[in-house]
Amino acid sequence: MPKDNHHIFADGELSRNEGTLRIDTLDGETKYLPVESVDTLYLHGQIDFNTRALGLLNEHGVPVHVFGWKDYYRGSYLPKREQVSGNTVVEQVRAYDDHDRRLRIAHDIIAASIHNMRANIQYYDGRKEDFTSAVDRLKEQKARVEDTTEIDELHGLEATARKIYYRCFDRILRDPFELTKREYNPPTNEANALISFLNSMVYTTCVSAIRKTALDPTIGFVHEPGERRFTLSLDIADIFKPILADRVLFRLVNRQQISIEDFESELEGCLLTEDGRVAVLEAFEETLDRTVEHPRLERNVSYKTLVRTDVYSLKKHILTGEPYRPTERWW
């Protein structure tokens, strides 16, 4: 049976009904969800659940990502690993502790991230406006990556590239949407709200992909390990934000599949309404299921599989020294 991501928006209770998930909503509805059909579970409503429900999800290896008030990402409940390898974790820590090994991996991640930003702008060059200058500047930033010898310098390169990239958004997005500048915690306008929500979806997609390997999601190579973040997920997410989040943003806005009415502004900032979140998630899930012919694998793979392929390539590099091949958009 094919597995899909499943999103629950209703408020209520999640429980176990023998081998099935049961959802009792505050509106009095009862729904049943076969756990075998779920790849990842997203809880967007106020959901109560107990250890029996978590036990069932754990048995079937289903991650749960929890979004709190107004769909701010709050955290994840991760099942037992499908693969357990002390050797992999040891080698991952060794790669992090070895300056040269860490730097090579960080080079690859940042170069791929900038490449994918540039590919997006190049797509609109001549279609919307003349973006030649931005395309050239992003190319220059990527070329400088290889000569960078410190992680902090890489952060600076990536930050400069992202500023160049985001400055193009106002000319790509259809009116009345505008980014002006990237702001979050909280997002201050509709474009920022879309980016923040979509970025959180990319991040959780990467968390789920990493969990299917023996890699430790808390040990990143660009982002410093911390106590409250899966820093390896942040690393991989930087590669895929232009491919998954930003392309969905451009499509939703420019095809008028979302409007200003799908947002609400409060003291805490600008946020998507529930209808808006549903529309964004439908577009995001549809994108994850899209396929593209992979030149190295010589077969069609989904965008979701691209994320997993990226993580497995990193794992193989850490264990065997084979080249790490982060996804650089070729299509």
C-alpha atoms as a PDB file:
ATOM      1  CA  MET A   1       0.000   0.000   0.000  1.00  0.00           C
ATOM      2  CA  PRO A   2       1.459   3.424  -0.947  1.00  0.00           C
ATOM      3  CA  LYS A   3       2.060   5.719   1.997  1.00  0.00           C
ATOM      4  CA  ASP A   4       1.152   9.408   2.052  1.00  0.00           C
ATOM      5  CA  ASN A   5       1.574  12.302   4.429  1.00  0.00           C
ATOM      6  CA  HIS A   6      -1.636  12.895   6.368  1.00  0.00           C
ATOM      7  CA  HIS A   7      -2.695  16.246   7.841  1.00  0.00           C
ATOM      8  CA  ILE A   8      -5.238  16.592  10.667  1.00  0.00           C
ATOM      9  CA  PHE A   9      -6.712  20.072  11.130  1.00  0.00           C
ATOM     10  CA  ALA A  10      -9.606  19.272  13.445  1.00  0.00           C
ATOM     11  CA  ASP A  11      -9.515  19.750  17.203  1.00  0.00           C
ATOM     12  CA  GLY A  12     -10.163  16.612  19.175  1.00  0.00           C
ATOM     13  CA  GLU A  13      -8.588  13.351  20.289  1.00  0.00           C
ATOM     14  CA  LEU A  14      -6.311  10.869  18.560  1.00  0.00           C
ATOM     15  CA  SER A  15      -6.468   7.332  19.910  1.00  0.00           C
ATOM     16  CA  ARG A  16      -5.751   3.737  19.004  1.00  0.00           C
ATOM     17  CA  ASN A  17      -8.535   1.474  17.869  1.00  0.00           C
ATOM     18  CA  GLU A  18      -6.804  -1.912  17.711  1.00  0.00           C
ATOM     19  CA  GLY A  19      -4.535  -1.522  14.636  1.00  0.00           C
ATOM     20  CA  THR A  20      -6.122   1.717  13.406  1.00  0.00           C
ATOM     21  CA  LEU A  21      -5.883   5.374  14.369  1.00  0.00           C
ATOM     22  CA  ARG A  22      -9.167   6.876  15.545  1.00  0.00           C
ATOM     23  CA  ILE A  23      -9.836  10.606  15.376  1.00  0.00           C
ATOM     24  CA  ASP A  24     -12.741  11.993  17.449  1.00  0.00           C
ATOM     25  CA  THR A  25     -13.303  15.665  16.646  1.00  0.00           C
ATOM     26  CA  LEU A  26     -14.920  18.264  18.893  1.00  0.00           C
ATOM     27  CA  ASP A  27     -17.642  18.547  16.235  1.00  0.00           C
ATOM     28  CA  GLY A  28     -18.744  15.008  17.041  1.00  0.00           C
ATOM     29  CA  GLU A  29     -17.256  13.280  13.994  1.00  0.00           C
ATOM     30  CA  THR A  30     -15.296  10.049  14.197  1.00  0.00           C
ATOM     31  CA  LYS A  31     -12.775   9.127  11.516  1.00  0.00           C
ATOM     32  CA  TYR A  32     -10.525   6.120  11.151  1.00  0.00           C
ATOM     33  CA  LEU A  33      -7.097   6.237   9.571  1.00  0.00           C
ATOM     34  CA  PRO A  34      -5.259   3.011   8.638  1.00  0.00           C
ATOM     35  CA  VAL A  35      -1.786   3.516  10.066  1.00  0.00           C
ATOM     36  CA  GLU A  36      -0.275   1.404   7.274  1.00  0.00           C
ATOM     37  CA  SER A  37      -1.230   4.139   4.799  1.00  0.00           C
ATOM     38  CA  VAL A  38       0.551   6.958   6.667  1.00  0.00           C
ATOM     39  CA  ASP A  39       4.112   8.023   5.869  1.00  0.00           C
ATOM     40  CA  THR A  40       4.161  11.073   8.180  1.00  0.00           C
ATOM     41  CA  LEU A  41       1.404  12.495  10.387  1.00  0.00           C
ATOM     42  CA  TYR A  42       0.942  16.261  10.765  1.00  0.00           C
ATOM     43  CA  LEU A  43      -1.190  17.603  13.623  1.00  0.00           C
ATOM     44  CA  HIS A  44      -2.389  21.138  12.895  1.00  0.00           C
ATOM     45  CA  GLY A  45      -5.320  21.245  15.328  1.00  0.00           C
ATOM     46  CA  GLN A  46      -5.454  21.019  19.108  1.00  0.00           C
ATOM     47  CA  ILE A  47      -5.154  17.249  19.420  1.00  0.00           C
ATOM     48  CA  ASP A  48      -5.002  15.164  22.582  1.00  0.00           C
ATOM     49  CA  PHE A  49      -3.349  11.762  22.279  1.00  0.00           C
ATOM     50  CA  ASN A  50      -2.078   9.070  24.606  1.00  0.00           C
ATOM     51  CA  THR A  51       0.776   6.598  24.768  1.00  0.00           C
ATOM     52  CA  ARG A  52      -1.283   3.871  23.075  1.00  0.00           C
ATOM     53  CA  ALA A  53      -1.677   6.044  19.976  1.00  0.00           C
ATOM     54  CA  LEU A  54       2.005   6.925  20.049  1.00  0.00           C
ATOM     55  CA  GLY A  55       2.840   3.250  20.499  1.00  0.00           C
ATOM     56  CA  LEU A  56       0.934   2.342  17.330  1.00  0.00           C
ATOM     57  CA  LEU A  57       2.683   5.096  15.382  1.00  0.00           C
ATOM     58  CA  ASN A  58       6.014   3.950  16.769  1.00  0.00           C
ATOM     59  CA  GLU A  59       5.350   0.339  15.737  1.00  0.00           C
ATOM     60  CA  HIS A  60       4.826   1.456  12.157  1.00  0.00           C
ATOM     61  CA  GLY A  61       7.658   4.003  12.060  1.00  0.00           C
ATOM     62  CA  VAL A  62       5.405   7.035  11.552  1.00  0.00           C
ATOM     63  CA  PRO A  63       6.863  10.432  12.588  1.00  0.00           C
ATOM     64  CA  VAL A  64       4.437  12.992  14.043  1.00  0.00           C
ATOM     65  CA  HIS A  65       5.019  16.713  13.488  1.00  0.00           C
ATOM     66  CA  VAL A  66       3.067  19.025  15.773  1.00  0.00           C
ATOM     67  CA  PHE A  67       2.022  22.534  14.817  1.00  0.00           C
ATOM     68  CA  GLY A  68       0.694  24.803  17.543  1.00  0.00           C
ATOM     69  CA  TRP A  69      -1.362  27.973  17.579  1.00  0.00           C
ATOM     70  CA  LYS A  70      -1.775  29.419  14.084  1.00  0.00           C
ATOM     71  CA  ASP A  71       0.353  26.575  12.713  1.00  0.00           C
ATOM     72  CA  TYR A  72       3.680  27.501  14.200  1.00  0.00           C
ATOM     73  CA  TYR A  73       5.867  24.403  14.172  1.00  0.00           C
ATOM     74  CA  ARG A  74       6.262  23.169  17.748  1.00  0.00           C
ATOM     75  CA  GLY A  75       8.148  19.907  17.534  1.00  0.00           C
ATOM     76  CA  SER A  76       8.191  16.275  16.478  1.00  0.00           C
ATOM     77  CA  TYR A  77       7.588  12.865  17.999  1.00  0.00           C
ATOM     78  CA  LEU A  78       9.927  10.507  16.227  1.00  0.00           C
ATOM     79  CA  PRO A  79       9.524   6.715  16.137  1.00  0.00           C
ATOM     80  CA  LYS A  80      12.267   4.220  16.833  1.00  0.00           C
ATOM     81  CA  ARG A  81      14.801   4.210  14.044  1.00  0.00           C
ATOM     82  CA  GLU A  82      14.265   1.926  11.074  1.00  0.00           C
ATOM     83  CA  GLN A  83      18.048   1.649  10.960  1.00  0.00           C
ATOM     84  CA  VAL A  84      20.283   1.686  14.029  1.00  0.00           C
ATOM     85  CA  SER A  85      24.031   1.926  13.582  1.00  0.00           C
ATOM     86  CA  GLY A  86      26.425   3.089  16.260  1.00  0.00           C
ATOM     87  CA  ASN A  87      29.174   3.111  13.650  1.00  0.00           C
ATOM     88  CA  THR A  88      27.246   5.617  11.521  1.00  0.00           C
ATOM     89  CA  VAL A  89      26.748   8.014  14.436  1.00  0.00           C
ATOM     90  CA  VAL A  90      30.389   7.696  15.461  1.00  0.00           C
ATOM     91  CA  GLU A  91      31.537   8.482  11.912  1.00  0.00           C
ATOM     92  CA  GLN A  92      29.086  11.389  11.718  1.00  0.00           C
ATOM     93  CA  VAL A  93      30.549  12.872  14.899  1.00  0.00           C
ATOM     94  CA  ARG A  94      34.077  12.294  13.580  1.00  0.00           C
ATOM     95  CA  ALA A  95      33.172  14.093  10.350  1.00  0.00           C
ATOM     96  CA  TYR A  96      31.805  17.011  12.386  1.00  0.00           C
ATOM     97  CA  ASP A  97      34.892  17.152  14.626  1.00  0.00           C
ATOM     98  CA  ASP A  98      37.325  16.999  11.684  1.00  0.00           C
ATOM     99  CA  HIS A  99      37.534  20.569  10.367  1.00  0.00           C
ATOM    100  CA  ASP A 100      38.415  19.574   6.809  1.00  0.00           C
ATOM    101  CA  ARG A 101      35.721  16.875   6.539  1.00  0.00           C
ATOM    102  CA  ARG A 102      33.069  19.158   8.004  1.00  0.00           C
ATOM    103  CA  LEU A 103      34.109  21.997   5.725  1.00  0.00           C
ATOM    104  CA  ARG A 104      33.881  19.820   2.592  1.00  0.00           C
ATOM    105  CA  ILE A 105      30.345  18.758   3.475  1.00  0.00           C
ATOM    106  CA  ALA A 106      29.381  22.345   4.331  1.00  0.00           C
ATOM    107  CA  HIS A 107      30.836  23.508   0.990  1.00  0.00           C
ATOM    108  CA  ASP A 108      28.626  21.023  -0.847  1.00  0.00           C
ATOM    109  CA  ILE A 109      25.486  22.024   1.056  1.00  0.00           C
ATOM    110  CA  ILE A 110      25.941  25.792   0.601  1.00  0.00           C
ATOM    111  CA  ALA A 111      26.960  25.443  -3.058  1.00  0.00           C
ATOM    112  CA  ALA A 112      23.827  23.397  -3.768  1.00  0.00           C
ATOM    113  CA  SER A 113      21.642  25.868  -1.882  1.00  0.00           C
ATOM    114  CA  ILE A 114      22.975  28.833  -3.882  1.00  0.00           C
ATOM    115  CA  HIS A 115      22.725  26.851  -7.141  1.00  0.00           C
ATOM    116  CA  ASN A 116      19.046  26.175  -6.485  1.00  0.00           C
ATOM    117  CA  MET A 117      18.357  29.824  -5.670  1.00  0.00           C
ATOM    118  CA  ARG A 118      20.074  30.821  -8.895  1.00  0.00           C
ATOM    119  CA  ALA A 119      18.104  28.208 -10.894  1.00  0.00           C
ATOM    120  CA  ASN A 120      14.845  29.762  -9.676  1.00  0.00           C
ATOM    121  CA  ILE A 121      15.872  33.283 -10.650  1.00  0.00           C
ATOM    122  CA  GLN A 122      17.243  32.063 -13.983  1.00  0.00           C
ATOM    123  CA  TYR A 123      13.849  30.490 -14.732  1.00  0.00           C
ATOM    124  CA  TYR A 124      12.188  33.911 -14.456  1.00  0.00           C
ATOM    125  CA  ASP A 125      14.972  35.805 -16.231  1.00  0.00           C
ATOM    126  CA  GLY A 126      13.331  37.139 -19.382  1.00  0.00           C
ATOM    127  CA  ARG A 127       9.931  35.727 -18.431  1.00  0.00           C
ATOM    128  CA  LYS A 128       9.134  38.334 -15.823  1.00  0.00           C
ATOM    129  CA  GLU A 129      11.964  40.858 -15.989  1.00  0.00           C
ATOM    130  CA  ASP A 130      15.697  41.069 -16.547  1.00  0.00           C
ATOM    131  CA  PHE A 131      17.386  39.219 -13.694  1.00  0.00           C
ATOM    132  CA  THR A 132      20.799  38.943 -15.368  1.00  0.00           C
ATOM    133  CA  SER A 133      22.555  40.901 -12.624  1.00  0.00           C
ATOM    134  CA  ALA A 134      21.117  38.746  -9.830  1.00  0.00           C
ATOM    135  CA  VAL A 135      21.905  35.543 -11.720  1.00  0.00           C
ATOM    136  CA  ASP A 136      25.515  36.646 -12.221  1.00  0.00           C
ATOM    137  CA  ARG A 137      25.930  37.702  -8.583  1.00  0.00           C
ATOM    138  CA  LEU A 138      24.593  34.369  -7.341  1.00  0.00           C
ATOM    139  CA  LYS A 139      26.987  32.593  -9.684  1.00  0.00           C
ATOM    140  CA  GLU A 140      29.824  34.609  -8.156  1.00  0.00           C
ATOM    141  CA  GLN A 141      28.716  33.714  -4.627  1.00  0.00           C
ATOM    142  CA  LYS A 142      28.672  30.026  -5.477  1.00  0.00           C
ATOM    143  CA  ALA A 143      32.159  30.259  -7.046  1.00  0.00           C
ATOM    144  CA  ARG A 144      33.502  31.756  -3.806  1.00  0.00           C
ATOM    145  CA  VAL A 145      32.304  28.808  -1.722  1.00  0.00           C
ATOM    146  CA  GLU A 146      35.215  26.533  -2.657  1.00  0.00           C
ATOM    147  CA  ASP A 147      37.792  29.061  -1.444  1.00  0.00           C
ATOM    148  CA  THR A 148      36.112  29.564   1.924  1.00  0.00           C
ATOM    149  CA  THR A 149      38.048  28.008   4.799  1.00  0.00           C
ATOM    150  CA  GLU A 150      35.776  28.673   7.793  1.00  0.00           C
ATOM    151  CA  ILE A 151      32.162  27.784   8.561  1.00  0.00           C
ATOM    152  CA  ASP A 152      31.392  31.359   9.665  1.00  0.00           C
ATOM    153  CA  GLU A 153      32.553  32.637   6.284  1.00  0.00           C
ATOM    154  CA  LEU A 154      30.245  30.157   4.590  1.00  0.00           C
ATOM    155  CA  HIS A 155      27.342  31.491   6.642  1.00  0.00           C
ATOM    156  CA  GLY A 156      28.197  34.964   5.390  1.00  0.00           C
ATOM    157  CA  LEU A 157      28.279  33.839   1.765  1.00  0.00           C
ATOM    158  CA  GLU A 158      24.945  32.066   2.097  1.00  0.00           C
ATOM    159  CA  ALA A 159      23.374  35.079   3.836  1.00  0.00           C
ATOM    160  CA  THR A 160      24.564  37.419   1.070  1.00  0.00           C
ATOM    161  CA  ALA A 161      23.249  35.047  -1.603  1.00  0.00           C
ATOM    162  CA  ARG A 162      19.868  34.832   0.109  1.00  0.00           C
ATOM    163  CA  LYS A 163      19.599  38.644   0.268  1.00  0.00           C
ATOM    164  CA  ILE A 164      20.285  38.846  -3.470  1.00  0.00           C
ATOM    165  CA  TYR A 165      17.735  36.110  -4.029  1.00  0.00           C
ATOM    166  CA  TYR A 166      14.957  37.570  -1.882  1.00  0.00           C
ATOM    167  CA  ARG A 167      15.338  40.996  -3.486  1.00  0.00           C
ATOM    168  CA  CYS A 168      14.057  39.424  -6.707  1.00  0.00           C
ATOM    169  CA  PHE A 169      10.809  38.188  -5.164  1.00  0.00           C
ATOM    170  CA  ASP A 170       8.858  41.437  -5.468  1.00  0.00           C
ATOM    171  CA  ARG A 171       9.397  41.397  -9.234  1.00  0.00           C
ATOM    172  CA  ILE A 172       8.420  37.727  -9.507  1.00  0.00           C
ATOM    173  CA  LEU A 173       5.290  37.774  -7.333  1.00  0.00           C
ATOM    174  CA  ARG A 174       1.985  39.007  -8.729  1.00  0.00           C
ATOM    175  CA  ASP A 175       0.493  42.086  -7.038  1.00  0.00           C
ATOM    176  CA  PRO A 176      -0.623  42.679  -4.336  1.00  0.00           C
ATOM    177  CA  PHE A 177       1.867  40.180  -2.853  1.00  0.00           C
ATOM    178  CA  GLU A 178       5.255  41.623  -1.946  1.00  0.00           C
ATOM    179  CA  LEU A 179       8.099  40.469   0.246  1.00  0.00           C
ATOM    180  CA  THR A 180       9.901  43.805   0.772  1.00  0.00           C
ATOM    181  CA  LYS A 181      12.346  42.054   3.097  1.00  0.00           C
ATOM    182  CA  ARG A 182      12.499  38.690   4.843  1.00  0.00           C
ATOM    183  CA  GLU A 183      10.942  38.934   8.296  1.00  0.00           C
ATOM    184  CA  TYR A 184       9.760  36.197  10.621  1.00  0.00           C
ATOM    185  CA  ASN A 185       8.985  35.513  14.300  1.00  0.00           C
ATOM    186  CA  PRO A 186       6.407  36.687  13.415  1.00  0.00           C
ATOM    187  CA  PRO A 187       6.074  37.141   9.638  1.00  0.00           C
ATOM    188  CA  THR A 188       4.963  40.688   8.877  1.00  0.00           C
ATOM    189  CA  ASN A 189       3.138  40.246   5.557  1.00  0.00           C
ATOM    190  CA  GLU A 190       1.538  37.619   3.334  1.00  0.00           C
ATOM    191  CA  ALA A 191       4.666  36.642   1.373  1.00  0.00           C
ATOM    192  CA  ASN A 192       6.671  36.248   4.582  1.00  0.00           C
ATOM    193  CA  ALA A 193       3.883  34.160   6.101  1.00  0.00           C
ATOM    194  CA  LEU A 194       3.913  31.840   3.085  1.00  0.00           C
ATOM    195  CA  ILE A 195       7.699  31.450   3.161  1.00  0.00           C
ATOM    196  CA  SER A 196       7.728  30.708   6.899  1.00  0.00           C
ATOM    197  CA  PHE A 197       4.978  28.094   6.673  1.00  0.00           C
ATOM    198  CA  LEU A 198       6.443  26.406   3.597  1.00  0.00           C
ATOM    199  CA  ASN A 199       9.944  26.426   5.110  1.00  0.00           C
ATOM    200  CA  SER A 200       8.593  24.624   8.171  1.00  0.00           C
ATOM    201  CA  MET A 201       7.109  21.982   5.866  1.00  0.00           C
ATOM    202  CA  VAL A 202      10.456  21.525   4.114  1.00  0.00           C
ATOM    203  CA  TYR A 203      12.189  21.227   7.498  1.00  0.00           C
ATOM    204  CA  THR A 204       9.785  18.519   8.727  1.00  0.00           C
ATOM    205  CA  THR A 205      10.118  16.685   5.405  1.00  0.00           C
ATOM    206  CA  CYS A 206      13.879  16.571   6.007  1.00  0.00           C
ATOM    207  CA  VAL A 207      13.398  15.430   9.622  1.00  0.00           C
ATOM    208  CA  SER A 208      11.297  12.488   8.385  1.00  0.00           C
ATOM    209  CA  ALA A 209      13.832  11.585   5.679  1.00  0.00           C
ATOM    210  CA  ILE A 210      16.785  11.640   8.088  1.00  0.00           C
ATOM    211  CA  ARG A 211      14.881   9.494  10.571  1.00  0.00           C
ATOM    212  CA  LYS A 212      14.731   6.713   7.974  1.00  0.00           C
ATOM    213  CA  THR A 213      18.521   6.475   8.085  1.00  0.00           C
ATOM    214  CA  ALA A 214      20.952   5.855  10.935  1.00  0.00           C
ATOM    215  CA  LEU A 215      22.167   9.474  10.803  1.00  0.00           C
ATOM    216  CA  ASP A 216      21.659  11.638  13.886  1.00  0.00           C
ATOM    217  CA  PRO A 217      19.463  14.656  12.979  1.00  0.00           C
ATOM    218  CA  THR A 218      20.990  16.777  15.771  1.00  0.00           C
ATOM    219  CA  ILE A 219      24.503  16.764  14.278  1.00  0.00           C
ATOM    220  CA  GLY A 220      24.686  19.250  11.424  1.00  0.00           C
ATOM    221  CA  PHE A 221      27.646  20.468   9.413  1.00  0.00           C
ATOM    222  CA  VAL A 222      26.666  24.019   8.446  1.00  0.00           C
ATOM    223  CA  HIS A 223      24.464  24.714  11.471  1.00  0.00           C
ATOM    224  CA  GLU A 224      25.985  24.198  14.907  1.00  0.00           C
ATOM    225  CA  PRO A 225      24.449  21.393  16.966  1.00  0.00           C
ATOM    226  CA  GLY A 226      22.094  22.741  19.616  1.00  0.00           C
ATOM    227  CA  GLU A 227      19.712  21.517  22.272  1.00  0.00           C
ATOM    228  CA  ARG A 228      16.392  22.331  20.611  1.00  0.00           C
ATOM    229  CA  ARG A 229      16.977  21.955  16.886  1.00  0.00           C
ATOM    230  CA  PHE A 230      17.630  19.152  14.427  1.00  0.00           C
ATOM    231  CA  THR A 231      20.565  20.941  12.827  1.00  0.00           C
ATOM    232  CA  LEU A 232      21.187  18.322  10.134  1.00  0.00           C
ATOM    233  CA  SER A 233      17.569  18.874   9.055  1.00  0.00           C
ATOM    234  CA  LEU A 234      18.295  22.603   8.835  1.00  0.00           C
ATOM    235  CA  ASP A 235      21.296  21.833   6.596  1.00  0.00           C
ATOM    236  CA  ILE A 236      19.327  19.626   4.194  1.00  0.00           C
ATOM    237  CA  ALA A 237      16.355  22.006   4.253  1.00  0.00           C
ATOM    238  CA  ASP A 238      18.557  24.841   2.943  1.00  0.00           C
ATOM    239  CA  ILE A 239      19.155  22.774  -0.198  1.00  0.00           C
ATOM    240  CA  PHE A 240      15.468  22.117  -0.784  1.00  0.00           C
ATOM    241  CA  LYS A 241      13.804  25.400   0.222  1.00  0.00           C
ATOM    242  CA  PRO A 242      14.227  26.895  -3.282  1.00  0.00           C
ATOM    243  CA  ILE A 243      13.005  23.658  -4.913  1.00  0.00           C
ATOM    244  CA  LEU A 244      10.069  22.904  -2.631  1.00  0.00           C
ATOM    245  CA  ALA A 245       9.038  26.026  -0.703  1.00  0.00           C
ATOM    246  CA  ASP A 246       9.808  28.870  -3.089  1.00  0.00           C
ATOM    247  CA  ARG A 247       8.569  27.211  -6.274  1.00  0.00           C
ATOM    248  CA  VAL A 248       5.280  26.418  -4.528  1.00  0.00           C
ATOM    249  CA  LEU A 249       5.097  30.040  -3.340  1.00  0.00           C
ATOM    250  CA  PHE A 250       5.591  31.407  -6.865  1.00  0.00           C
ATOM    251  CA  ARG A 251       3.050  29.000  -8.330  1.00  0.00           C
ATOM    252  CA  LEU A 252       0.358  29.692  -5.733  1.00  0.00           C
ATOM    253  CA  VAL A 253       0.657  33.461  -6.030  1.00  0.00           C
ATOM    254  CA  ASN A 254       1.186  33.851  -9.769  1.00  0.00           C
ATOM    255  CA  ARG A 255      -1.563  31.397 -10.717  1.00  0.00           C
ATOM    256  CA  GLN A 256      -3.852  33.106  -8.204  1.00  0.00           C
ATOM    257  CA  GLN A 257      -4.428  29.880  -6.303  1.00  0.00           C
ATOM    258  CA  ILE A 258      -4.179  31.881  -3.100  1.00  0.00           C
ATOM    259  CA  SER A 259      -5.313  35.426  -2.327  1.00  0.00           C
ATOM    260  CA  ILE A 260      -4.891  38.127   0.298  1.00  0.00           C
ATOM    261  CA  GLU A 261      -8.176  36.923   1.823  1.00  0.00           C
ATOM    262  CA  ASP A 262      -6.403  33.689   2.834  1.00  0.00           C
ATOM    263  CA  PHE A 263      -4.431  35.606   5.486  1.00  0.00           C
ATOM    264  CA  GLU A 264      -5.246  37.396   8.699  1.00  0.00           C
ATOM    265  CA  SER A 265      -3.244  40.103  10.421  1.00  0.00           C
ATOM    266  CA  GLU A 266      -3.130  40.298  14.194  1.00  0.00           C
ATOM    267  CA  LEU A 267      -0.850  41.761  16.821  1.00  0.00           C
ATOM    268  CA  GLU A 268       1.369  38.711  16.398  1.00  0.00           C
ATOM    269  CA  GLY A 269       1.852  39.372  12.681  1.00  0.00           C
ATOM    270  CA  CYS A 270       0.410  38.054   9.441  1.00  0.00           C
ATOM    271  CA  LEU A 271      -0.663  34.410   9.319  1.00  0.00           C
ATOM    272  CA  LEU A 272      -2.491  32.043   7.007  1.00  0.00           C
ATOM    273  CA  THR A 273      -6.125  31.230   7.733  1.00  0.00           C
ATOM    274  CA  GLU A 274      -7.118  27.568   7.962  1.00  0.00           C
ATOM    275  CA  ASP A 275      -8.432  27.659   4.366  1.00  0.00           C
ATOM    276  CA  GLY A 276      -5.151  29.222   3.312  1.00  0.00           C
ATOM    277  CA  ARG A 277      -3.113  26.545   5.059  1.00  0.00           C
ATOM    278  CA  VAL A 278      -5.168  23.805   3.424  1.00  0.00           C
ATOM    279  CA  ALA A 279      -4.561  25.342  -0.034  1.00  0.00           C
ATOM    280  CA  VAL A 280      -0.814  25.649   0.623  1.00  0.00           C
ATOM    281  CA  LEU A 281      -0.541  22.085   1.923  1.00  0.00           C
ATOM    282  CA  GLU A 282      -2.401  20.673  -1.071  1.00  0.00           C
ATOM    283  CA  ALA A 283       0.079  22.404  -3.383  1.00  0.00           C
ATOM    284  CA  PHE A 284       3.051  21.298  -1.267  1.00  0.00           C
ATOM    285  CA  GLU A 285       1.973  17.645  -1.136  1.00  0.00           C
ATOM    286  CA  GLU A 286       1.282  17.676  -4.874  1.00  0.00           C
ATOM    287  CA  THR A 287       4.821  18.962  -5.412  1.00  0.00           C
ATOM    288  CA  LEU A 288       6.339  16.245  -3.207  1.00  0.00           C
ATOM    289  CA  ASP A 289       4.611  13.640  -5.401  1.00  0.00           C
ATOM    290  CA  ARG A 290       5.830  15.146  -8.681  1.00  0.00           C
ATOM    291  CA  THR A 291       8.439  13.100 -10.489  1.00  0.00           C
ATOM    292  CA  VAL A 292      11.511  13.995 -12.491  1.00  0.00           C
ATOM    293  CA  GLU A 293      13.914  11.797 -14.411  1.00  0.00           C
ATOM    294  CA  HIS A 294      17.065  11.363 -12.351  1.00  0.00           C
ATOM    295  CA  PRO A 295      20.199  11.325 -14.574  1.00  0.00           C
ATOM    296  CA  ARG A 296      22.297   9.274 -12.156  1.00  0.00           C
ATOM    297  CA  LEU A 297      19.594   6.825 -11.053  1.00  0.00           C
ATOM    298  CA  GLU A 298      18.227   6.631 -14.624  1.00  0.00           C
ATOM    299  CA  ARG A 299      14.607   6.516 -13.515  1.00  0.00           C
ATOM    300  CA  ASN A 300      11.813   8.856 -12.492  1.00  0.00           C
ATOM    301  CA  VAL A 301      11.822   9.805  -8.822  1.00  0.00           C
ATOM    302  CA  SER A 302       9.492  11.990  -6.777  1.00  0.00           C
ATOM    303  CA  TYR A 303      10.636  15.188  -5.109  1.00  0.00           C
ATOM    304  CA  LYS A 304      10.130  13.430  -1.767  1.00  0.00           C
ATOM    305  CA  THR A 305      12.520  10.718  -2.950  1.00  0.00           C
ATOM    306  CA  LEU A 306      15.041  13.388  -3.949  1.00  0.00           C
ATOM    307  CA  VAL A 307      15.207  14.490  -0.305  1.00  0.00           C
ATOM    308  CA  ARG A 308      15.772  10.906   0.835  1.00  0.00           C
ATOM    309  CA  THR A 309      18.362  10.297  -1.898  1.00  0.00           C
ATOM    310  CA  ASP A 310      20.221  13.383  -0.711  1.00  0.00           C
ATOM    311  CA  VAL A 311      20.328  12.098   2.867  1.00  0.00           C
ATOM    312  CA  TYR A 312      21.467   8.616   1.815  1.00  0.00           C
ATOM    313  CA  SER A 313      24.206  10.160  -0.325  1.00  0.00           C
ATOM    314  CA  LEU A 314      25.449  12.075   2.730  1.00  0.00           C
ATOM    315  CA  LYS A 315      25.375   8.908   4.830  1.00  0.00           C
ATOM    316  CA  LYS A 316      27.372   6.984   2.218  1.00  0.00           C
ATOM    317  CA  HIS A 317      29.897   9.826   2.016  1.00  0.00           C
ATOM    318  CA  ILE A 318      30.375   9.806   5.787  1.00  0.00           C
ATOM    319  CA  LEU A 319      30.832   6.029   5.896  1.00  0.00           C
ATOM    320  CA  THR A 320      32.780   5.324   2.708  1.00  0.00           C
ATOM    321  CA  GLY A 321      34.154   8.631   1.452  1.00  0.00           C
ATOM    322  CA  GLU A 322      32.136   8.457  -1.776  1.00  0.00           C
ATOM    323  CA  PRO A 323      31.365  11.937  -3.141  1.00  0.00           C
ATOM    324  CA  TYR A 324      28.381  13.604  -1.505  1.00  0.00           C
ATOM    325  CA  ARG A 325      25.934  14.685  -4.211  1.00  0.00           C
ATOM    326  CA  PRO A 326      23.453  17.213  -2.800  1.00  0.00           C
ATOM    327  CA  THR A 327      20.571  17.972  -5.138  1.00  0.00           C
ATOM    328  CA  GLU A 328      21.290  20.768  -7.605  1.00  0.00           C
ATOM    329  CA  ARG A 329      18.296  21.471  -9.803  1.00  0.00           C
ATOM    330  CA  TRP A 330      18.932  20.222 -13.347  1.00  0.00           C
ATOM    331  CA  TRP A 331      15.399  20.160 -14.725  1.00  0.00           C
END
